[in-house]
Every structure is written in structure tokens, then in C-alpha cells.
C-alpha atoms as a PDB file:
ATOM      1  CA  MET A   1      36.839  20.591  -0.153  1.00  0.00           C
ATOM      2  CA  ILE A   2      34.368  18.405  -2.031  1.00  0.00           C
ATOM      3  CA  GLY A   3      33.154  21.436  -3.945  1.00  0.00           C
ATOM      4  CA  VAL A   4      36.727  22.336  -4.926  1.00  0.00           C
ATOM      5  CA  LYS A   5      37.314  18.838  -6.301  1.00  0.00           C
ATOM      6  CA  LYS A   6      34.165  19.064  -8.372  1.00  0.00           C
ATOM      7  CA  VAL A   7      35.271  22.394  -9.813  1.00  0.00           C
ATOM      8  CA  LYS A   8      38.708  20.993 -10.666  1.00  0.00           C
ATOM      9  CA  ASN A   9      37.245  17.901 -12.304  1.00  0.00           C
ATOM     10  CA  GLY A  10      34.813  20.031 -14.261  1.00  0.00           C
ATOM     11  CA  PHE A  11      37.632  22.342 -15.376  1.00  0.00           C
ATOM     12  CA  LEU A  12      39.779  19.384 -16.554  1.00  0.00           C
ATOM     13  CA  SER A  13      36.847  17.899 -18.470  1.00  0.00           C
ATOM     14  CA  ALA A  14      36.195  21.216 -20.205  1.00  0.00           C
ATOM     15  CA  LEU A  15      39.901  21.575 -21.033  1.00  0.00           C
ATOM     16  CA  THR A  16      40.007  18.037 -22.481  1.00  0.00           C
ATOM     17  CA  ILE A  17      36.970  18.692 -24.645  1.00  0.00           C
ATOM     18  CA  ALA A  18      38.465  21.979 -25.873  1.00  0.00           C
ATOM     19  CA  LEU A  19      41.711  20.248 -26.852  1.00  0.00           C
ATOM     20  CA  LEU A  20      39.870  17.492 -28.711  1.00  0.00           C
ATOM     21  CA  LEU A  21      37.713  20.026 -30.532  1.00  0.00           C
ATOM     22  CA  GLY A  22      40.823  22.005 -31.453  1.00  0.00           C
ATOM     23  CA  THR A  23      42.546  18.904 -32.873  1.00  0.00           C
ATOM     24  CA  PHE A  24      39.436  17.939 -34.835  1.00  0.00           C
ATOM     25  CA  SER A  25      39.067  21.477 -36.181  1.00  0.00           C
ATOM     26  CA  ASN A  26      42.692  21.514 -37.361  1.00  0.00           C
ATOM     27  CA  LYS A  27      42.246  18.191 -39.173  1.00  0.00           C
ATOM     28  CA  LEU A  28      39.001  19.389 -40.726  1.00  0.00           C
ATOM     29  CA  LEU A  29      40.639  22.637 -41.829  1.00  0.00           C
ATOM     30  CA  ALA A  30      43.495  20.703 -43.450  1.00  0.00           C
ATOM     31  CA  GLN A  31      40.996  18.538 -45.304  1.00  0.00           C
ATOM     32  CA  GLN A  32      39.076  21.583 -46.459  1.00  0.00           C
ATOM     33  CA  GLN A  33      42.251  23.278 -47.689  1.00  0.00           C
ATOM     34  CA  ALA A  34      43.170  20.286 -49.898  1.00  0.00           C
ATOM     35  CA  LYS A  35      40.891  20.509 -52.946  1.00  0.00           C
ATOM     36  CA  SER A  36      42.334  17.604 -54.923  1.00  0.00           C
ATOM     37  CA  LEU A  37      43.334  14.004 -54.297  1.00  0.00           C
ATOM     38  CA  ILE A  38      45.576  11.703 -56.342  1.00  0.00           C
ATOM     39  CA  ALA A  39      44.898   7.980 -55.990  1.00  0.00           C
ATOM     40  CA  VAL A  40      47.737   5.549 -56.776  1.00  0.00           C
ATOM     41  CA  ARG A  41      47.002   1.862 -56.325  1.00  0.00           C
ATOM     42  CA  SER A  42      50.308   0.922 -54.679  1.00  0.00           C
ATOM     43  CA  GLY A  43      50.997   4.310 -53.113  1.00  0.00           C
ATOM     44  CA  TYR A  44      54.099   4.844 -55.265  1.00  0.00           C
ATOM     45  CA  PHE A  45      55.237   4.754 -58.901  1.00  0.00           C
ATOM     46  CA  ILE A  46      57.595   2.227 -60.516  1.00  0.00           C
ATOM     47  CA  ALA A  47      60.441   3.507 -62.703  1.00  0.00           C
ATOM     48  CA  LYS A  48      60.429   2.532 -66.395  1.00  0.00           C
ATOM     49  CA  LEU A  49      56.816   1.310 -66.243  1.00  0.00           C
ATOM     50  CA  ASP A  50      53.452   2.847 -67.115  1.00  0.00           C
ATOM     51  CA  ASN A  51      51.813   3.863 -63.838  1.00  0.00           C
ATOM     52  CA  SER A  52      48.125   4.740 -63.767  1.00  0.00           C
ATOM     53  CA  PHE A  53      46.570   7.135 -61.282  1.00  0.00           C
ATOM     54  CA  GLU A  54      43.318   8.994 -60.774  1.00  0.00           C
ATOM     55  CA  VAL A  55      42.683  12.581 -59.773  1.00  0.00           C
ATOM     56  CA  VAL A  56      39.616  13.776 -57.896  1.00  0.00           C
ATOM     57  CA  ALA A  57      39.048  17.476 -57.319  1.00  0.00           C
ATOM     58  CA  GLN A  58      36.449  19.819 -55.882  1.00  0.00           C
ATOM     59  CA  GLN A  59      35.108  21.062 -59.169  1.00  0.00           C
ATOM     60  CA  GLU A  60      31.986  20.515 -61.233  1.00  0.00           C
ATOM     61  CA  HIS A  61      33.636  18.522 -64.043  1.00  0.00           C
ATOM     62  CA  PRO A  62      36.277  15.746 -63.980  1.00  0.00           C
ATOM     63  CA  VAL A  63      39.915  16.802 -63.988  1.00  0.00           C
ATOM     64  CA  THR A  64      41.298  17.097 -67.518  1.00  0.00           C
ATOM     65  CA  LEU A  65      44.777  16.453 -68.846  1.00  0.00           C
ATOM     66  CA  ASP A  66      45.535  20.148 -69.347  1.00  0.00           C
ATOM     67  CA  GLN A  67      45.093  20.698 -65.605  1.00  0.00           C
ATOM     68  CA  LEU A  68      48.017  18.378 -64.791  1.00  0.00           C
ATOM     69  CA  HIS A  69      51.757  18.891 -65.096  1.00  0.00           C
ATOM     70  CA  ALA A  70      54.370  16.486 -63.740  1.00  0.00           C
ATOM     71  CA  TYR A  71      58.043  16.846 -62.857  1.00  0.00           C
ATOM     72  CA  ILE A  72      60.628  14.471 -61.443  1.00  0.00           C
ATOM     73  CA  GLN A  73      63.186  15.403 -58.820  1.00  0.00           C
ATOM     74  CA  VAL A  74      66.280  13.181 -58.694  1.00  0.00           C
ATOM     75  CA  PHE A  75      68.570  13.775 -55.723  1.00  0.00           C
ATOM     76  CA  ASN A  76      70.143  17.246 -56.042  1.00  0.00           C
ATOM     77  CA  GLN A  77      69.393  17.669 -59.736  1.00  0.00           C
ATOM     78  CA  GLU A  78      66.965  20.243 -61.071  1.00  0.00           C
ATOM     79  CA  ARG A  79      63.493  18.883 -61.531  1.00  0.00           C
ATOM     80  CA  ARG A  80      62.487  18.156 -65.124  1.00  0.00           C
ATOM     81  CA  PRO A  81      59.128  17.557 -66.786  1.00  0.00           C
ATOM     82  CA  VAL A  82      57.540  14.131 -67.193  1.00  0.00           C
ATOM     83  CA  VAL A  83      54.840  13.388 -69.751  1.00  0.00           C
ATOM     84  CA  ILE A  84      51.342  12.528 -68.517  1.00  0.00           C
ATOM     85  CA  LYS A  85      48.905  10.757 -70.828  1.00  0.00           C
ATOM     86  CA  GLN A  86      45.210  10.118 -70.439  1.00  0.00           C
ATOM     87  CA  TRP A  87      43.833   6.578 -70.591  1.00  0.00           C
ATOM     88  CA  LYS A  88      40.061   6.154 -70.280  1.00  0.00           C
ATOM     89  CA  ASN A  89      39.128   7.631 -66.889  1.00  0.00           C
ATOM     90  CA  SER A  90      42.686   7.573 -65.542  1.00  0.00           C
ATOM     91  CA  PHE A  91      46.048   9.142 -66.254  1.00  0.00           C
ATOM     92  CA  VAL A  92      49.340   7.381 -67.011  1.00  0.00           C
ATOM     93  CA  ILE A  93      52.885   8.465 -66.202  1.00  0.00           C
ATOM     94  CA  ARG A  94      56.173   6.699 -66.975  1.00  0.00           C
ATOM     95  CA  PRO A  95      59.109   8.029 -64.893  1.00  0.00           C
ATOM     96  CA  ASP A  96      62.469   7.075 -66.392  1.00  0.00           C
ATOM     97  CA  THR A  97      64.286   6.784 -63.061  1.00  0.00           C
ATOM     98  CA  VAL A  98      63.783   6.697 -59.304  1.00  0.00           C
ATOM     99  CA  GLY A  99      63.170   9.877 -57.345  1.00  0.00           C
ATOM    100  CA  ILE A 100      60.170  12.023 -56.437  1.00  0.00           C
ATOM    101  CA  VAL A 101      57.434  12.877 -58.929  1.00  0.00           C
ATOM    102  CA  GLU A 102      55.641  16.156 -58.316  1.00  0.00           C
ATOM    103  CA  ILE A 103      52.230  16.470 -59.960  1.00  0.00           C
ATOM    104  CA  ASP A 104      50.776  19.969 -60.157  1.00  0.00           C
ATOM    105  CA  VAL A 105      46.967  20.088 -60.206  1.00  0.00           C
ATOM    106  CA  ALA A 106      45.692  23.413 -61.545  1.00  0.00           C
ATOM    107  CA  LEU A 107      42.280  24.266 -60.114  1.00  0.00           C
ATOM    108  CA  LYS A 108      40.214  27.374 -60.628  1.00  0.00           C
ATOM    109  CA  ASP A 109      41.680  29.384 -57.797  1.00  0.00           C
ATOM    110  CA  THR A 110      44.748  27.426 -56.712  1.00  0.00           C
ATOM    111  CA  LEU A 111      47.634  25.188 -57.753  1.00  0.00           C
ATOM    112  CA  GLU A 112      48.216  22.098 -55.622  1.00  0.00           C
ATOM    113  CA  THR A 113      51.314  19.904 -55.779  1.00  0.00           C
ATOM    114  CA  LYS A 114      51.246  16.210 -54.904  1.00  0.00           C
ATOM    115  CA  ARG A 115      54.504  14.307 -54.319  1.00  0.00           C
ATOM    116  CA  ILE A 116      54.800  10.586 -55.076  1.00  0.00           C
ATOM    117  CA  ARG A 117      57.907   8.458 -54.648  1.00  0.00           C
ATOM    118  CA  VAL A 118      59.268   6.514 -57.613  1.00  0.00           C
ATOM    119  CA  LYS A 119      60.786   3.145 -56.685  1.00  0.00           C
ATOM    120  CA  PRO A 120      62.864   0.723 -58.740  1.00  0.00           C
ATOM    121  CA  ILE A 121      61.469  -2.506 -60.067  1.00  0.00           C
ATOM    122  CA  LYS A 122      62.026  -5.428 -57.718  1.00  0.00           C
ATOM    123  CA  ALA A 123      62.928  -8.788 -59.175  1.00  0.00           C
ATOM    124  CA  VAL A 124      62.520 -12.364 -58.003  1.00  0.00           C
ATOM    125  CA  GLY A 125      65.550 -14.653 -57.997  1.00  0.00           C
ATOM    126  CA  ARG A 126      65.107 -17.921 -59.875  1.00  0.00           C
ATOM    127  CA  LEU A 127      67.141 -21.047 -60.423  1.00  0.00           C
ATOM    128  CA  GLY A 128      65.176 -22.566 -63.276  1.00  0.00           C
ATOM    129  CA  ASN A 129      61.629 -22.878 -61.938  1.00  0.00           C
ATOM    130  CA  TYR A 130      62.719 -22.578 -58.297  1.00  0.00           C
ATOM    131  CA  THR A 131      62.719 -19.526 -56.050  1.00  0.00           C
ATOM    132  CA  ALA A 132      63.811 -18.804 -52.490  1.00  0.00           C
ATOM    133  CA  ASN A 133      61.989 -20.339 -49.513  1.00  0.00           C
ATOM    134  CA  GLN A 134      60.500 -23.257 -51.418  1.00  0.00           C
ATOM    135  CA  ASN A 135      60.350 -26.424 -49.356  1.00  0.00           C
ATOM    136  CA  ILE A 136      61.211 -28.589 -52.363  1.00  0.00           C
ATOM    137  CA  LYS A 137      64.204 -30.807 -53.013  1.00  0.00           C
ATOM    138  CA  ILE A 138      65.799 -30.726 -56.475  1.00  0.00           C
ATOM    139  CA  GLY A 139      66.924 -33.826 -58.306  1.00  0.00           C
ATOM    140  CA  ILE A 140      70.636 -34.145 -59.116  1.00  0.00           C
ATOM    141  CA  GLY A 141      70.134 -34.246 -62.868  1.00  0.00           C
ATOM    142  CA  GLU A 142      67.799 -31.264 -62.922  1.00  0.00           C
ATOM    143  CA  PHE A 143      70.103 -29.256 -60.671  1.00  0.00           C
ATOM    144  CA  LYS A 144      73.201 -29.914 -62.775  1.00  0.00           C
ATOM    145  CA  ALA A 145      71.300 -28.874 -65.908  1.00  0.00           C
ATOM    146  CA  GLN A 146      70.802 -25.317 -64.631  1.00  0.00           C
ATOM    147  CA  GLN A 147      72.787 -22.583 -66.374  1.00  0.00           C
ATOM    148  CA  GLY A 148      72.678 -19.762 -63.844  1.00  0.00           C
ATOM    149  CA  ILE A 149      70.652 -17.410 -61.672  1.00  0.00           C
ATOM    150  CA  LYS A 150      67.977 -15.151 -63.151  1.00  0.00           C
ATOM    151  CA  ALA A 151      66.429 -11.972 -61.757  1.00  0.00           C
ATOM    152  CA  VAL A 152      62.889 -12.068 -63.118  1.00  0.00           C
ATOM    153  CA  ILE A 153      60.428  -9.176 -63.071  1.00  0.00           C
ATOM    154  CA  GLU A 154      57.121 -10.547 -61.845  1.00  0.00           C
ATOM    155  CA  ASN A 155      53.747  -9.129 -60.799  1.00  0.00           C
ATOM    156  CA  TYR A 156      54.081  -6.039 -63.006  1.00  0.00           C
ATOM    157  CA  ASP A 157      52.179  -7.353 -66.052  1.00  0.00           C
ATOM    158  CA  ILE A 158      55.409  -7.593 -68.035  1.00  0.00           C
ATOM    159  CA  ASP A 159      57.793 -10.394 -68.953  1.00  0.00           C
ATOM    160  CA  ALA A 160      61.345  -9.165 -68.467  1.00  0.00           C
ATOM    161  CA  TYR A 161      64.639  -9.761 -66.670  1.00  0.00           C
ATOM    162  CA  CYS A 162      67.075  -7.619 -64.727  1.00  0.00           C
ATOM    163  CA  LYS A 163      70.837  -7.789 -65.048  1.00  0.00           C
ATOM    164  CA  VAL A 164      72.585 -10.089 -62.557  1.00  0.00           C
ATOM    165  CA  TYR A 165      76.075  -8.854 -61.692  1.00  0.00           C
ATOM    166  CA  GLY A 166      77.208 -11.806 -59.628  1.00  0.00           C
ATOM    167  CA  PHE A 167      76.704 -13.956 -56.569  1.00  0.00           C
ATOM    168  CA  GLU A 168      78.367 -16.335 -54.151  1.00  0.00           C
ATOM    169  CA  VAL A 169      77.574 -20.050 -54.088  1.00  0.00           C
ATOM    170  CA  LEU A 170      78.295 -22.448 -51.223  1.00  0.00           C
ATOM    171  CA  ARG A 171      78.025 -26.221 -51.389  1.00  0.00           C
ATOM    172  CA  VAL A 172      77.687 -27.967 -48.041  1.00  0.00           C
ATOM    173  CA  SER A 173      77.892 -31.735 -48.426  1.00  0.00           C
ATOM    174  CA  LYS A 174      76.135 -34.198 -46.129  1.00  0.00           C
ATOM    175  CA  TRP A 175      79.587 -34.751 -44.559  1.00  0.00           C
ATOM    176  CA  ASP A 176      79.797 -30.978 -43.821  1.00  0.00           C
ATOM    177  CA  GLU A 177      82.439 -30.407 -46.460  1.00  0.00           C
ATOM    178  CA  VAL A 178      82.202 -26.863 -47.863  1.00  0.00           C
ATOM    179  CA  GLU A 179      83.033 -25.573 -51.318  1.00  0.00           C
ATOM    180  CA  ARG A 180      82.734 -21.912 -52.245  1.00  0.00           C
ATOM    181  CA  SER A 181      82.841 -19.860 -55.412  1.00  0.00           C
ATOM    182  CA  VAL A 182      82.272 -16.198 -56.282  1.00  0.00           C
ATOM    183  CA  ASN A 183      80.533 -15.987 -59.632  1.00  0.00           C
ATOM    184  CA  THR A 184      80.605 -12.989 -61.978  1.00  0.00           C
ATOM    185  CA  GLY A 185      77.474 -12.495 -64.046  1.00  0.00           C
ATOM    186  CA  ALA A 186      74.317 -14.572 -64.191  1.00  0.00           C
ATOM    187  CA  ARG A 187      75.668 -17.726 -65.871  1.00  0.00           C
ATOM    188  CA  PHE A 188      77.681 -20.259 -63.901  1.00  0.00           C
ATOM    189  CA  SER A 189      81.381 -19.698 -64.490  1.00  0.00           C
ATOM    190  CA  GLY A 190      84.044 -22.416 -64.612  1.00  0.00           C
ATOM    191  CA  ALA A 191      84.655 -22.604 -60.853  1.00  0.00           C
ATOM    192  CA  THR A 192      80.946 -22.397 -60.056  1.00  0.00           C
ATOM    193  CA  ARG A 193      80.112 -24.968 -62.706  1.00  0.00           C
ATOM    194  CA  ALA A 194      82.609 -27.365 -61.118  1.00  0.00           C
ATOM    195  CA  ILE A 195      80.871 -26.989 -57.742  1.00  0.00           C
ATOM    196  CA  ILE A 196      77.452 -27.503 -59.340  1.00  0.00           C
ATOM    197  CA  ASN A 197      78.714 -30.698 -60.999  1.00  0.00           C
ATOM    198  CA  HIS A 198      79.792 -32.022 -57.576  1.00  0.00           C
ATOM    199  CA  ALA A 199      76.157 -32.100 -56.423  1.00  0.00           C
ATOM    200  CA  SER A 200      75.065 -35.300 -54.724  1.00  0.00           C
ATOM    201  CA  ALA A 201      72.109 -36.398 -52.640  1.00  0.00           C
ATOM    202  CA  GLY A 202      71.861 -34.608 -49.294  1.00  0.00           C
ATOM    203  CA  ASP A 203      73.933 -31.571 -50.349  1.00  0.00           C
ATOM    204  CA  LEU A 204      72.837 -28.040 -49.556  1.00  0.00           C
ATOM    205  CA  PHE A 205      73.530 -25.297 -52.096  1.00  0.00           C
ATOM    206  CA  ILE A 206      73.357 -21.704 -50.906  1.00  0.00           C
ATOM    207  CA  PHE A 207      73.237 -18.823 -53.384  1.00  0.00           C
ATOM    208  CA  ARG A 208      73.822 -15.542 -51.583  1.00  0.00           C
ATOM    209  CA  LYS A 209      74.899 -11.956 -52.200  1.00  0.00           C
ATOM    210  CA  ILE A 210      73.047 -12.049 -55.523  1.00  0.00           C
ATOM    211  CA  MET A 211      73.452  -8.533 -56.888  1.00  0.00           C
ATOM    212  CA  TYR A 212      71.312  -7.205 -59.705  1.00  0.00           C
ATOM    213  CA  ARG A 213      69.967  -4.019 -61.252  1.00  0.00           C
ATOM    214  CA  CYS A 214      66.682  -3.458 -63.054  1.00  0.00           C
ATOM    215  CA  PRO A 215      65.915  -0.801 -65.676  1.00  0.00           C
ATOM    216  CA  GLY A 216      65.383   2.603 -64.089  1.00  0.00           C
ATOM    217  CA  SER A 217      67.280   1.794 -60.895  1.00  0.00           C
ATOM    218  CA  GLU A 218      70.257   3.957 -59.990  1.00  0.00           C
ATOM    219  CA  GLU A 219      71.590   1.466 -57.458  1.00  0.00           C
ATOM    220  CA  ILE A 220      72.469  -2.201 -57.526  1.00  0.00           C
ATOM    221  CA  GLN A 221      70.040  -4.277 -55.466  1.00  0.00           C
ATOM    222  CA  ARG A 222      70.340  -7.610 -53.692  1.00  0.00           C
ATOM    223  CA  LEU A 223      68.089 -10.594 -54.245  1.00  0.00           C
ATOM    224  CA  GLU A 224      66.883 -12.811 -51.453  1.00  0.00           C
ATOM    225  CA  ASP A 225      69.306 -15.626 -50.639  1.00  0.00           C
ATOM    226  CA  MET A 226      68.321 -19.025 -52.015  1.00  0.00           C
ATOM    227  CA  ILE A 227      68.956 -22.414 -50.396  1.00  0.00           C
ATOM    228  CA  PHE A 228      68.329 -25.703 -52.198  1.00  0.00           C
ATOM    229  CA  GLU A 229      68.628 -29.293 -51.007  1.00  0.00           C
ATOM    230  CA  ILE A 230      69.563 -32.035 -53.464  1.00  0.00           C
ATOM    231  CA  LYS A 231      67.534 -35.244 -53.369  1.00  0.00           C
END
């Protein structure tokens, strides 16, 4: 019986090793089959912005511009070409909308296609110099001087704004009295302005359901809710 157990254990060990070798061989084969690699810093492209990327291929010389062709696929529409430009040792592409960019890399004996998602620009909500989740109280005078909510494009090396469609504002007084207004557009409307002018020490102002859209985005997006305490 002891001999049988040893045989079984030996058989299982051999089977395990064979499975591991098979998995490793499959991964190695997949790596060998892919002869080019596209490197994108963030892992995706941003619509309406210049996006740089690099291409490395198994060939003697660096990949040239004439080896690359790009197309964008938007939902169920037919894919259409996108211009690629060369910049120093990298390439630059500027998709005009969200979707999937397909980059064809023409090598000596094959054509490989790489797919990269295109995402919309994300904005940061601002009330003057203040953003969401700041543990800072705002003075009454400074708060009343604000004109509206802005959706600012940050961290993309550009200085621009997105369109704010509207938002809801709630004022909760220190006596738990609540005022509410639905504002259209970025600037404070009459009803919202009246609530802003009621600000007093200890009030909480909540700006929520802030809807906006940036260039290149097909859908309206929502900013992070903002809560401010008046000092």
C-alpha cells in the first residue's frame, strides 16, 4: 500500500509540473507571437487632446510613421481614420471623440492591431479657489462674492473649462433650517443667489448633482458633490 501511495504522489507531481509547463509555454508563445508593443503613459487616450505614445517592435530599426495607421471606432459607426504625427522619438494622436482607437502596426511579415480606449476629459469642480473635500471654512463675505460653479480641466497641461449644465444647492442653517434651489447653468440664478445671500456663520452649503460636459465627450458627466461650511 505504501508503494501505491508513492506512485500516486509521484504521478500527481508529474501532472502538476506538466500543467505548469503547459501554461508557461502558452504565455511564452503568446509573447513570441506579438512582435510590437505600444506604450501609453496612462493606459488610455483622452479625447480632444494630443496623446503621445511609443511603439517598440522586433525589427532592426525604430518604427517609422509610415508603418502606423490609426482608426477610431465609435459605438456602432464605421471606423474612420485618425491622423498620427511624429514628435521626436514618440508619436502623437488626437482623437476627436470617445471610443476605441485601433492602431495598425505594419511589420515586415505581419500587420498587428492594438486597441486603446479613448476617454473623455474629467474636470474638477470649483467654487472660486475651493474644491470638494477641503477641510476649510469659507468666510461669509468671500462666499457671497462667488458667481457660480466651474468645471475646470486640470492635470492635462492645458488651461480650460467644461460646460456646466446645472446643479442643486442646499443650505442647511445651524438651526437645521433647509433651503433648496435647482440652478440652470454655471452662474448662480436668482433663486440660488438669494440662498447664497442668506449665508451666515455655521451654515452648511451643499452643491450636488453638478452636471457638465467637456469637449470630446458624448455624454454629460457629474462632478463630485461639494460641501462648504461658513465661518
